[in-house]
N, C-alpha and C. Protein backbone atom coordinates (compact mmCIF):
# COMPACT_ATOMS: atom_id res chain seq x y z
N MET A 1 0.60 -0.99 -0.17
CA MET A 1 -0.24 -0.31 -0.12
C MET A 1 0.73 1.00 0.18
N ASN A 2 0.47 2.39 -0.78
CA ASN A 2 1.65 3.49 -1.09
C ASN A 2 1.30 4.23 -0.11
N LYS A 3 1.57 5.40 0.55
CA LYS A 3 1.83 6.16 1.07
C LYS A 3 0.14 7.49 1.36
N LEU A 4 -0.35 7.13 2.86
CA LEU A 4 -1.96 7.69 2.64
C LEU A 4 -1.83 9.45 2.56
N LEU A 5 -2.30 9.92 1.48
CA LEU A 5 -2.39 11.59 2.07
C LEU A 5 -2.87 12.31 2.59
N SER A 6 -4.53 11.71 2.17
CA SER A 6 -5.17 12.48 2.59
C SER A 6 -6.56 11.53 2.53
N CYS A 7 -7.77 12.15 3.77
CA CYS A 7 -8.62 11.81 4.03
C CYS A 7 -9.91 12.77 3.80
N ARG A 8 -10.68 12.13 4.06
CA ARG A 8 -12.06 13.11 4.19
C ARG A 8 -13.95 12.18 4.96
N HIS A 9 -13.93 12.66 5.89
CA HIS A 9 -15.67 12.06 6.68
C HIS A 9 -16.50 12.64 5.00
N ASN A 10 -17.22 11.29 4.31
CA ASN A 10 -18.16 11.72 3.39
C ASN A 10 -20.26 11.60 4.79
N MET A 11 -20.15 13.15 5.06
CA MET A 11 -21.42 12.14 6.04
C MET A 11 -22.46 12.20 4.80
N ASP A 12 -22.75 12.59 3.77
CA ASP A 12 -24.19 11.74 3.40
C ASP A 12 -23.89 10.00 3.00
N THR A 13 -22.51 9.37 2.76
CA THR A 13 -22.69 7.83 2.18
C THR A 13 -22.00 7.02 3.63
N ASN A 14 -21.56 8.48 4.69
CA ASN A 14 -21.13 8.06 6.46
C ASN A 14 -19.89 6.71 6.57
N ARG A 15 -18.76 7.52 4.69
CA ARG A 15 -17.50 6.82 5.23
C ARG A 15 -16.55 7.90 4.84
N VAL A 16 -15.48 7.02 5.36
CA VAL A 16 -14.33 8.09 4.95
C VAL A 16 -13.30 7.87 3.77
N GLU A 17 -13.07 8.56 2.82
CA GLU A 17 -12.64 8.70 2.00
C GLU A 17 -11.06 8.69 1.72
N ALA A 18 -10.64 8.21 1.74
CA ALA A 18 -9.24 7.79 1.89
C ALA A 18 -8.36 7.71 0.09
N ARG A 19 -6.88 8.82 0.11
CA ARG A 19 -6.26 9.04 -1.30
C ARG A 19 -5.21 8.63 -0.62
N PHE A 20 -4.85 8.27 -2.44
CA PHE A 20 -2.67 7.54 -1.90
C PHE A 20 -2.08 8.13 -2.66
N SER A 21 -0.31 8.44 -2.38
CA SER A 21 0.01 8.09 -3.50
C SER A 21 -0.03 8.48 -4.72
N ASP A 22 -0.59 7.21 -4.96
CA ASP A 22 -0.05 7.00 -6.49
C ASP A 22 -1.26 6.97 -6.84
N ALA A 23 -2.17 7.79 -6.71
CA ALA A 23 -3.34 8.69 -7.19
C ALA A 23 -4.86 6.88 -7.26
N SER A 24 -4.75 6.35 -5.71
CA SER A 24 -5.40 5.69 -5.96
C SER A 24 -6.01 5.95 -4.47
N ALA A 25 -7.86 5.02 -4.68
CA ALA A 25 -8.63 5.88 -3.46
C ALA A 25 -9.50 4.63 -3.16
N ILE A 26 -10.09 4.87 -1.30
CA ILE A 26 -11.06 3.87 -1.03
C ILE A 26 -11.69 4.27 -0.02
N ALA A 27 -12.60 3.50 0.15
CA ALA A 27 -13.81 4.24 0.90
C ALA A 27 -13.87 3.66 1.89
N ILE A 28 -13.60 3.55 3.50
CA ILE A 28 -13.70 2.85 4.27
C ILE A 28 -15.54 2.63 4.83
N ASP A 29 -15.92 2.23 4.97
CA ASP A 29 -17.23 1.96 5.56
C ASP A 29 -17.59 1.83 7.66
N CYS A 30 -17.57 3.24 7.57
CA CYS A 30 -17.80 3.30 8.98
C CYS A 30 -19.14 2.67 9.62
N ILE A 31 -19.71 2.61 9.21
CA ILE A 31 -21.14 1.52 10.54
C ILE A 31 -20.28 0.34 10.56
N VAL A 32 -20.11 0.03 9.20
CA VAL A 32 -18.92 -1.37 9.30
C VAL A 32 -18.15 -1.46 10.50
N ILE A 33 -17.82 -0.31 10.63
CA ILE A 33 -16.81 -0.17 11.57
C ILE A 33 -16.65 -0.49 12.82
N GLU A 34 -17.98 0.68 13.18
CA GLU A 34 -18.39 0.84 14.55
C GLU A 34 -19.03 -0.39 14.67
N ASP A 35 -19.32 -0.99 13.97
CA ASP A 35 -20.26 -2.88 14.00
C ASP A 35 -19.70 -3.62 14.58
N GLU A 36 -18.19 -3.56 13.69
CA GLU A 36 -17.09 -4.38 14.74
C GLU A 36 -16.59 -4.36 15.61
N TYR A 37 -15.98 -2.81 15.62
CA TYR A 37 -15.33 -2.53 16.72
C TYR A 37 -16.01 -1.85 18.18
N GLY A 38 -17.16 -1.18 18.16
CA GLY A 38 -17.54 -0.55 19.06
C GLY A 38 -18.52 -1.12 19.78
N ASN A 39 -17.97 -1.68 20.64
CA ASN A 39 -18.34 -3.05 21.92
C ASN A 39 -18.92 -2.48 22.84
N THR A 40 -18.65 -1.09 23.09
CA THR A 40 -19.23 -0.14 24.54
C THR A 40 -20.16 0.82 24.28
N PRO A 41 -20.78 1.74 24.66
CA PRO A 41 -20.46 3.01 23.96
C PRO A 41 -19.26 4.20 24.50
N ALA A 42 -18.49 3.52 25.33
CA ALA A 42 -17.37 4.47 25.45
C ALA A 42 -16.10 4.53 24.12
N GLN A 43 -16.18 3.00 23.47
CA GLN A 43 -16.13 2.85 21.97
C GLN A 43 -16.05 3.22 20.83
N ARG A 44 -18.09 2.94 20.68
CA ARG A 44 -18.40 3.76 20.40
C ARG A 44 -17.67 5.77 20.33
N ALA A 45 -17.92 6.13 21.30
CA ALA A 45 -18.08 7.57 21.02
C ALA A 45 -16.25 7.83 20.67
N GLU A 46 -15.21 6.90 21.34
CA GLU A 46 -14.21 7.43 20.45
C GLU A 46 -14.42 6.99 19.22
N LEU A 47 -15.43 6.01 18.26
CA LEU A 47 -14.30 5.93 17.16
C LEU A 47 -15.48 6.87 16.43
N ASP A 48 -16.46 7.94 16.93
CA ASP A 48 -16.38 8.71 16.16
C ASP A 48 -16.08 10.27 16.44
N TRP A 49 -15.57 10.38 17.82
CA TRP A 49 -14.58 11.53 17.82
C TRP A 49 -13.43 11.51 16.66
N LEU A 50 -12.95 10.52 16.66
CA LEU A 50 -12.01 10.46 15.72
C LEU A 50 -12.36 10.08 14.15
N LEU A 51 -13.64 10.55 14.01
CA LEU A 51 -14.14 10.40 12.13
C LEU A 51 -14.13 11.58 12.27
N TYR A 52 -14.67 12.73 13.21
CA TYR A 52 -15.46 13.89 12.63
C TYR A 52 -13.83 14.41 12.99
N ASN A 53 -13.08 14.14 14.19
CA ASN A 53 -11.73 15.08 14.60
C ASN A 53 -10.77 14.85 13.70
N LYS A 54 -10.56 13.35 13.30
CA LYS A 54 -9.11 12.99 13.06
C LYS A 54 -9.57 11.71 11.64
N PRO A 55 -9.48 11.86 10.49
CA PRO A 55 -10.21 10.91 9.76
C PRO A 55 -8.77 10.00 9.71
N LEU A 56 -7.95 10.56 8.72
CA LEU A 56 -6.75 10.68 8.85
C LEU A 56 -5.95 9.62 9.20
N GLU A 57 -6.17 9.83 10.48
CA GLU A 57 -5.53 9.00 12.14
C GLU A 57 -6.63 7.81 11.81
N TYR A 58 -8.02 7.93 11.92
CA TYR A 58 -8.93 6.97 11.77
C TYR A 58 -8.61 5.71 10.77
N ALA A 59 -8.53 6.00 9.24
CA ALA A 59 -8.18 5.66 8.09
C ALA A 59 -6.99 4.56 7.91
N GLN A 60 -5.90 5.35 9.02
CA GLN A 60 -4.62 5.25 9.60
C GLN A 60 -4.82 3.83 10.21
N LEU A 61 -5.46 3.82 11.35
CA LEU A 61 -5.96 2.83 12.88
C LEU A 61 -6.50 1.57 11.65
N VAL A 62 -7.42 2.05 11.13
CA VAL A 62 -8.31 0.95 10.79
C VAL A 62 -7.34 0.13 9.24
N LEU A 63 -6.89 0.67 8.49
CA LEU A 63 -6.00 0.07 7.88
C LEU A 63 -4.96 -0.61 7.99
N SER A 64 -3.87 -0.49 9.49
CA SER A 64 -2.79 -0.75 9.75
C SER A 64 -3.89 -2.05 10.52
N GLY A 65 -4.84 -2.60 10.58
CA GLY A 65 -5.42 -3.31 11.86
C GLY A 65 -4.77 -2.89 13.07
N LYS A 66 -4.90 -0.99 13.06
CA LYS A 66 -4.49 -1.10 14.82
C LYS A 66 -5.73 -0.77 15.28
N ILE A 67 -6.94 -0.70 15.20
CA ILE A 67 -8.57 0.33 15.71
C ILE A 67 -8.69 -1.13 16.28
N ALA A 68 -8.70 -1.66 16.69
CA ALA A 68 -8.95 -2.80 18.04
C ALA A 68 -7.95 -1.87 19.34
N HIS A 69 -6.61 -2.49 18.97
CA HIS A 69 -5.41 -2.44 19.75
C HIS A 69 -6.53 -0.43 20.76
N TYR A 70 -5.63 -0.04 20.03
CA TYR A 70 -6.43 1.79 19.71
C TYR A 70 -7.11 1.60 21.21
N LEU A 71 -8.58 0.81 20.43
CA LEU A 71 -10.12 1.09 21.63
C LEU A 71 -9.48 0.31 22.76
N SER A 72 -8.73 -0.44 22.75
CA SER A 72 -8.47 -1.28 24.20
C SER A 72 -8.00 -0.34 24.81
N LEU A 73 -6.75 0.45 24.59
CA LEU A 73 -6.34 1.24 25.77
C LEU A 73 -6.79 2.69 26.33
N GLY A 74 -8.59 2.46 25.91
CA GLY A 74 -9.66 3.18 27.05
C GLY A 74 -8.96 4.62 26.90
N CYS A 75 -8.98 5.49 25.50
CA CYS A 75 -8.55 6.25 24.88
C CYS A 75 -10.35 6.46 25.43
N GLU A 76 -10.33 8.41 25.34
CA GLU A 76 -11.31 9.45 26.79
C GLU A 76 -11.48 10.36 25.49
N HIS A 77 -11.36 10.79 24.00
CA HIS A 77 -11.31 11.08 23.85
C HIS A 77 -13.25 11.74 23.53
N GLY A 78 -13.62 10.85 23.53
CA GLY A 78 -15.04 10.50 22.72
C GLY A 78 -16.00 11.48 24.27
N ARG A 79 -15.83 10.89 25.73
CA ARG A 79 -16.65 11.28 26.18
C ARG A 79 -16.36 12.41 27.21
N PRO A 80 -17.71 12.85 27.84
CA PRO A 80 -18.18 14.33 28.31
C PRO A 80 -17.18 14.74 29.03
N LYS A 81 -16.83 15.68 29.56
CA LYS A 81 -16.29 16.29 29.91
C LYS A 81 -16.00 15.43 31.92
N ASP A 82 -16.96 15.70 32.03
CA ASP A 82 -17.79 15.19 33.26
C ASP A 82 -17.87 13.91 33.62
N GLN A 83 -17.50 12.74 32.74
CA GLN A 83 -17.14 11.50 32.55
C GLN A 83 -16.15 10.96 32.80
N VAL A 84 -15.03 11.36 32.81
CA VAL A 84 -13.57 11.23 32.42
C VAL A 84 -12.96 10.99 33.82
C-alpha cells in the first residue's frame, strides 16, 4: 500500500474517503467499523470522535489493523468531560 495522503469523512455516505500517493482511493464504511469494533458506548464515542476530528488517523488505524488495540487502550476523547 502506498502512502496515505488525505482523508475526508463523507457525511452523505458515512464513509471515510482516503487517497494514496499512487492516485488510488478507497472508501471505509464507518458503520461496518462501528459494528465490528464499537462494543461499548465508550468505544463508539471514541470512533465518532476520531471520525469527525481526525479522519486521517481513523483511516490509518483501520487500514493498519490497529483499531482494536487503540480502542483497548481506553481512550477518552469521545467522553464528555464530566465522565472522565
